[in-house]
Amino acid sequence: MKTTLLILLLALSTSLTGYAQTERGAKMIGGSGSVNFNNGVSVYLLPRLGYFVTEDLAVGSGVLLGYSRYKNQEMTLRNTHVGLQPFARYYFGAPKATRVFAQADVSIVHTRRSGVNFFPDYGNKVSFTDTTVGGGIGLVHFLTQQVGLEALVGYRNNTTGFENFGRGFGVTFGLQIHLPSAAGQ
């Protein structure tokens, strides 16, 4: 499955090329998502909106929506996550079909957890808010002048210590649509 996806992306990248709109005043709309299967299932969506404050530098925020369910011999957990993820992203190099970018972000996530046999001192339901800082290096390939497929390799670190949500290295894939500034149209 992964090999097929990579071959498809490579074929698209050699046949379709474009240049992104990263000038001041342009907007970036898109997002990413993930599905994980590890002692259960977790699904996360992160729609994003950004604004280019200067050439190649976008700032904005995403809304994190997630659900996870884990089960092992000792406990069953269900989590619902809702949060904000402000970010800053910088694109390197001259405008071309494939570009490298760096991104830094902070996630503020509220989690509602219910389940059986977890943290006996808290009962079977608990809510908490966590903060996670992250960053990474990504590569985007623009299929057209405005639409790009991207991959980001990054690290996330939970700063509150209560929950292990999002800690460690990871890879995310996403789709972004870059809308030109009113002056650039």
Protein backbone atom coordinates (compact mmCIF):
# COMPACT_ATOMS: atom_id res chain seq x y z
CA MET A 1 0.00 0.00 0.00
CA LYS A 2 2.73 2.47 0.98
CA THR A 3 4.80 1.53 -2.08
CA THR A 4 1.82 2.06 -4.38
CA LEU A 5 1.16 5.49 -2.85
CA LEU A 6 4.81 6.52 -3.24
CA ILE A 7 4.87 5.40 -6.89
CA LEU A 8 1.66 7.32 -7.56
CA LEU A 9 3.06 10.47 -5.93
CA LEU A 10 6.30 10.14 -7.90
CA ALA A 11 4.41 9.72 -11.16
CA LEU A 12 2.30 12.78 -10.41
CA SER A 13 5.35 14.80 -9.46
CA THR A 14 7.04 14.15 -12.78
CA SER A 15 3.95 14.86 -14.89
CA LEU A 16 2.33 17.77 -13.08
CA THR A 17 4.28 20.75 -11.81
CA GLY A 18 3.44 24.23 -10.67
CA TYR A 19 4.55 27.10 -8.48
CA ALA A 20 2.99 28.13 -5.20
CA GLN A 21 1.61 31.46 -4.12
CA THR A 22 3.79 32.36 -1.11
CA GLU A 23 3.92 36.14 -1.52
CA ARG A 24 2.82 38.56 1.20
CA GLY A 25 -0.96 38.60 1.57
CA ALA A 26 -1.54 35.11 0.13
CA LYS A 27 -3.59 32.60 2.09
CA MET A 28 -3.01 28.91 2.78
CA ILE A 29 -5.97 26.57 3.38
CA GLY A 30 -5.65 22.84 3.93
CA GLY A 31 -4.79 20.31 6.54
CA SER A 32 -3.64 16.87 7.42
CA GLY A 33 -4.96 13.76 9.06
CA SER A 34 -3.86 10.47 10.50
CA VAL A 35 -5.20 7.06 11.41
CA ASN A 36 -3.32 4.81 13.82
CA PHE A 37 -3.87 1.17 14.78
CA ASN A 38 -1.96 0.25 17.95
CA ASN A 39 -3.91 -1.68 20.60
CA GLY A 40 -6.94 0.12 19.22
CA VAL A 41 -7.63 2.92 16.80
CA SER A 42 -7.05 6.68 16.73
CA VAL A 43 -8.22 9.17 14.11
CA TYR A 44 -7.04 12.80 13.95
CA LEU A 45 -7.92 15.64 11.58
CA LEU A 46 -6.17 19.02 11.50
CA PRO A 47 -7.71 21.58 9.13
CA ARG A 48 -5.52 24.73 8.86
CA LEU A 49 -5.73 28.33 7.71
CA GLY A 50 -2.63 30.50 7.28
CA TYR A 51 -1.72 33.98 6.06
CA PHE A 52 1.61 35.01 4.50
CA VAL A 53 2.79 37.98 6.57
CA THR A 54 5.91 38.38 4.39
CA GLU A 55 7.31 36.58 1.36
CA ASP A 56 7.55 32.83 2.21
CA LEU A 57 6.49 33.20 5.90
CA ALA A 58 2.99 32.07 6.87
CA VAL A 59 1.37 32.17 10.30
CA GLY A 60 -1.99 30.72 11.20
CA SER A 61 -3.82 28.11 13.20
CA GLY A 62 -5.36 24.71 12.89
CA VAL A 63 -8.20 23.03 14.76
CA LEU A 64 -7.29 19.57 16.05
CA LEU A 65 -10.13 17.04 16.16
CA GLY A 66 -9.45 13.53 17.33
CA TYR A 67 -10.88 10.31 18.69
CA SER A 68 -9.05 7.30 20.04
CA ARG A 69 -9.99 4.02 21.60
CA TYR A 70 -7.46 1.68 23.21
CA LYS A 71 -7.98 -1.68 24.80
CA ASN A 72 -5.64 -4.15 26.44
CA GLN A 73 -6.00 -6.84 29.13
CA GLU A 74 -6.01 -4.29 31.95
CA MET A 75 -8.10 -1.36 30.69
CA THR A 76 -10.26 0.22 28.02
CA LEU A 77 -9.95 3.93 27.17
CA ARG A 78 -11.94 6.27 24.92
CA ASN A 79 -10.55 9.76 24.25
CA THR A 80 -12.06 12.75 22.47
CA HIS A 81 -9.58 15.54 21.62
CA VAL A 82 -10.38 19.12 20.57
CA GLY A 83 -7.74 21.83 20.35
CA LEU A 84 -6.00 24.70 18.61
CA GLN A 85 -2.61 24.56 16.93
CA PRO A 86 -1.11 27.96 16.07
CA PHE A 87 1.83 27.62 13.67
CA ALA A 88 4.53 29.48 11.77
CA ARG A 89 5.90 28.10 8.49
CA TYR A 90 8.79 29.32 6.34
CA TYR A 91 9.43 28.21 2.73
CA PHE A 92 13.07 28.06 1.59
CA GLY A 93 14.43 28.80 -1.88
CA ALA A 94 13.05 30.34 -5.01
CA PRO A 95 9.47 29.52 -6.07
CA LYS A 96 9.46 26.19 -7.89
CA ALA A 97 7.37 23.03 -8.06
CA THR A 98 9.01 21.36 -5.03
CA ARG A 99 10.01 23.35 -1.96
CA VAL A 100 11.39 22.70 1.50
CA PHE A 101 9.78 24.34 4.53
CA ALA A 102 10.29 24.51 8.29
CA GLN A 103 7.36 24.66 10.69
CA ALA A 104 6.98 25.33 14.42
CA ASP A 105 3.70 24.97 16.31
CA VAL A 106 2.07 24.76 19.72
CA SER A 107 -0.94 22.53 20.40
CA ILE A 108 -3.39 23.30 23.17
CA VAL A 109 -5.65 20.25 23.39
CA HIS A 110 -8.59 19.50 25.67
CA THR A 111 -9.17 15.78 26.18
CA ARG A 112 -12.21 13.99 27.60
CA ARG A 113 -11.39 10.45 28.64
CA SER A 114 -13.69 7.68 29.73
CA GLY A 115 -13.01 4.04 30.31
CA VAL A 116 -12.62 1.17 32.71
CA ASN A 117 -9.68 0.50 35.08
CA PHE A 118 -7.53 3.53 34.28
CA PHE A 119 -6.16 5.90 36.94
CA PRO A 120 -8.25 4.49 39.82
CA ASP A 121 -7.84 7.73 41.83
CA TYR A 122 -9.77 9.69 39.15
CA GLY A 123 -12.75 7.40 38.55
CA ASN A 124 -13.90 6.33 35.09
CA LYS A 125 -14.11 9.83 33.53
CA VAL A 126 -11.59 12.66 33.46
CA SER A 127 -10.97 15.84 31.44
CA PHE A 128 -7.68 17.67 31.08
CA THR A 129 -5.87 20.18 28.87
CA ASP A 130 -2.38 19.55 27.52
CA THR A 131 0.14 21.73 25.73
CA THR A 132 2.52 20.25 23.17
CA VAL A 133 5.25 22.06 21.27
CA GLY A 134 6.49 20.76 17.94
CA GLY A 135 8.41 21.48 14.83
CA GLY A 136 9.90 19.89 11.79
CA ILE A 137 11.13 20.04 8.23
CA GLY A 138 8.80 19.35 5.34
CA LEU A 139 8.70 18.97 1.59
CA VAL A 140 5.81 20.15 -0.56
CA HIS A 141 5.23 19.38 -4.20
CA PHE A 142 2.85 21.72 -6.03
CA LEU A 143 0.67 19.84 -8.50
CA THR A 144 -0.63 23.16 -9.81
CA GLN A 145 0.18 26.77 -9.03
CA GLN A 146 -2.08 26.57 -5.99
CA VAL A 147 -2.38 22.93 -4.83
CA GLY A 148 0.40 21.14 -3.00
CA LEU A 149 0.91 17.73 -1.43
CA GLU A 150 3.23 17.78 1.56
CA ALA A 151 5.09 15.59 4.02
CA LEU A 152 6.51 16.81 7.33
CA VAL A 153 9.03 14.98 9.53
CA GLY A 154 8.96 16.43 13.00
CA TYR A 155 9.20 16.08 16.75
CA ARG A 156 6.51 16.85 19.33
CA ASN A 157 7.08 17.24 23.06
CA ASN A 158 4.36 17.33 25.67
CA THR A 159 5.11 20.15 28.12
CA THR A 160 2.51 19.47 30.82
CA GLY A 161 3.60 15.96 31.68
CA PHE A 162 0.15 14.51 32.51
CA GLU A 163 -0.55 12.94 29.13
CA ASN A 164 1.77 11.37 26.56
CA PHE A 165 -0.27 12.82 23.68
CA GLY A 166 1.87 13.45 20.62
CA ARG A 167 5.33 12.92 22.15
CA GLY A 168 8.08 11.75 19.82
CA PHE A 169 9.06 11.73 16.17
CA GLY A 170 6.52 11.35 13.42
CA VAL A 171 5.60 11.93 9.79
CA THR A 172 2.44 13.68 8.64
CA PHE A 173 1.02 14.09 5.17
CA GLY A 174 -1.27 16.87 4.05
CA LEU A 175 -2.81 18.91 1.27
CA GLN A 176 -2.58 22.69 1.03
CA ILE A 177 -4.29 25.18 -1.27
CA HIS A 178 -2.48 28.50 -1.69
CA LEU A 179 -4.68 31.44 -2.68
CA PRO A 180 -2.89 34.49 -4.15
CA SER A 181 -3.06 37.87 -2.50
CA ALA A 182 -5.49 40.41 -3.94
CA ALA A 183 -2.51 42.36 -5.31
CA GLY A 184 -0.96 39.23 -6.88
CA GLN A 185 -4.02 38.17 -8.94
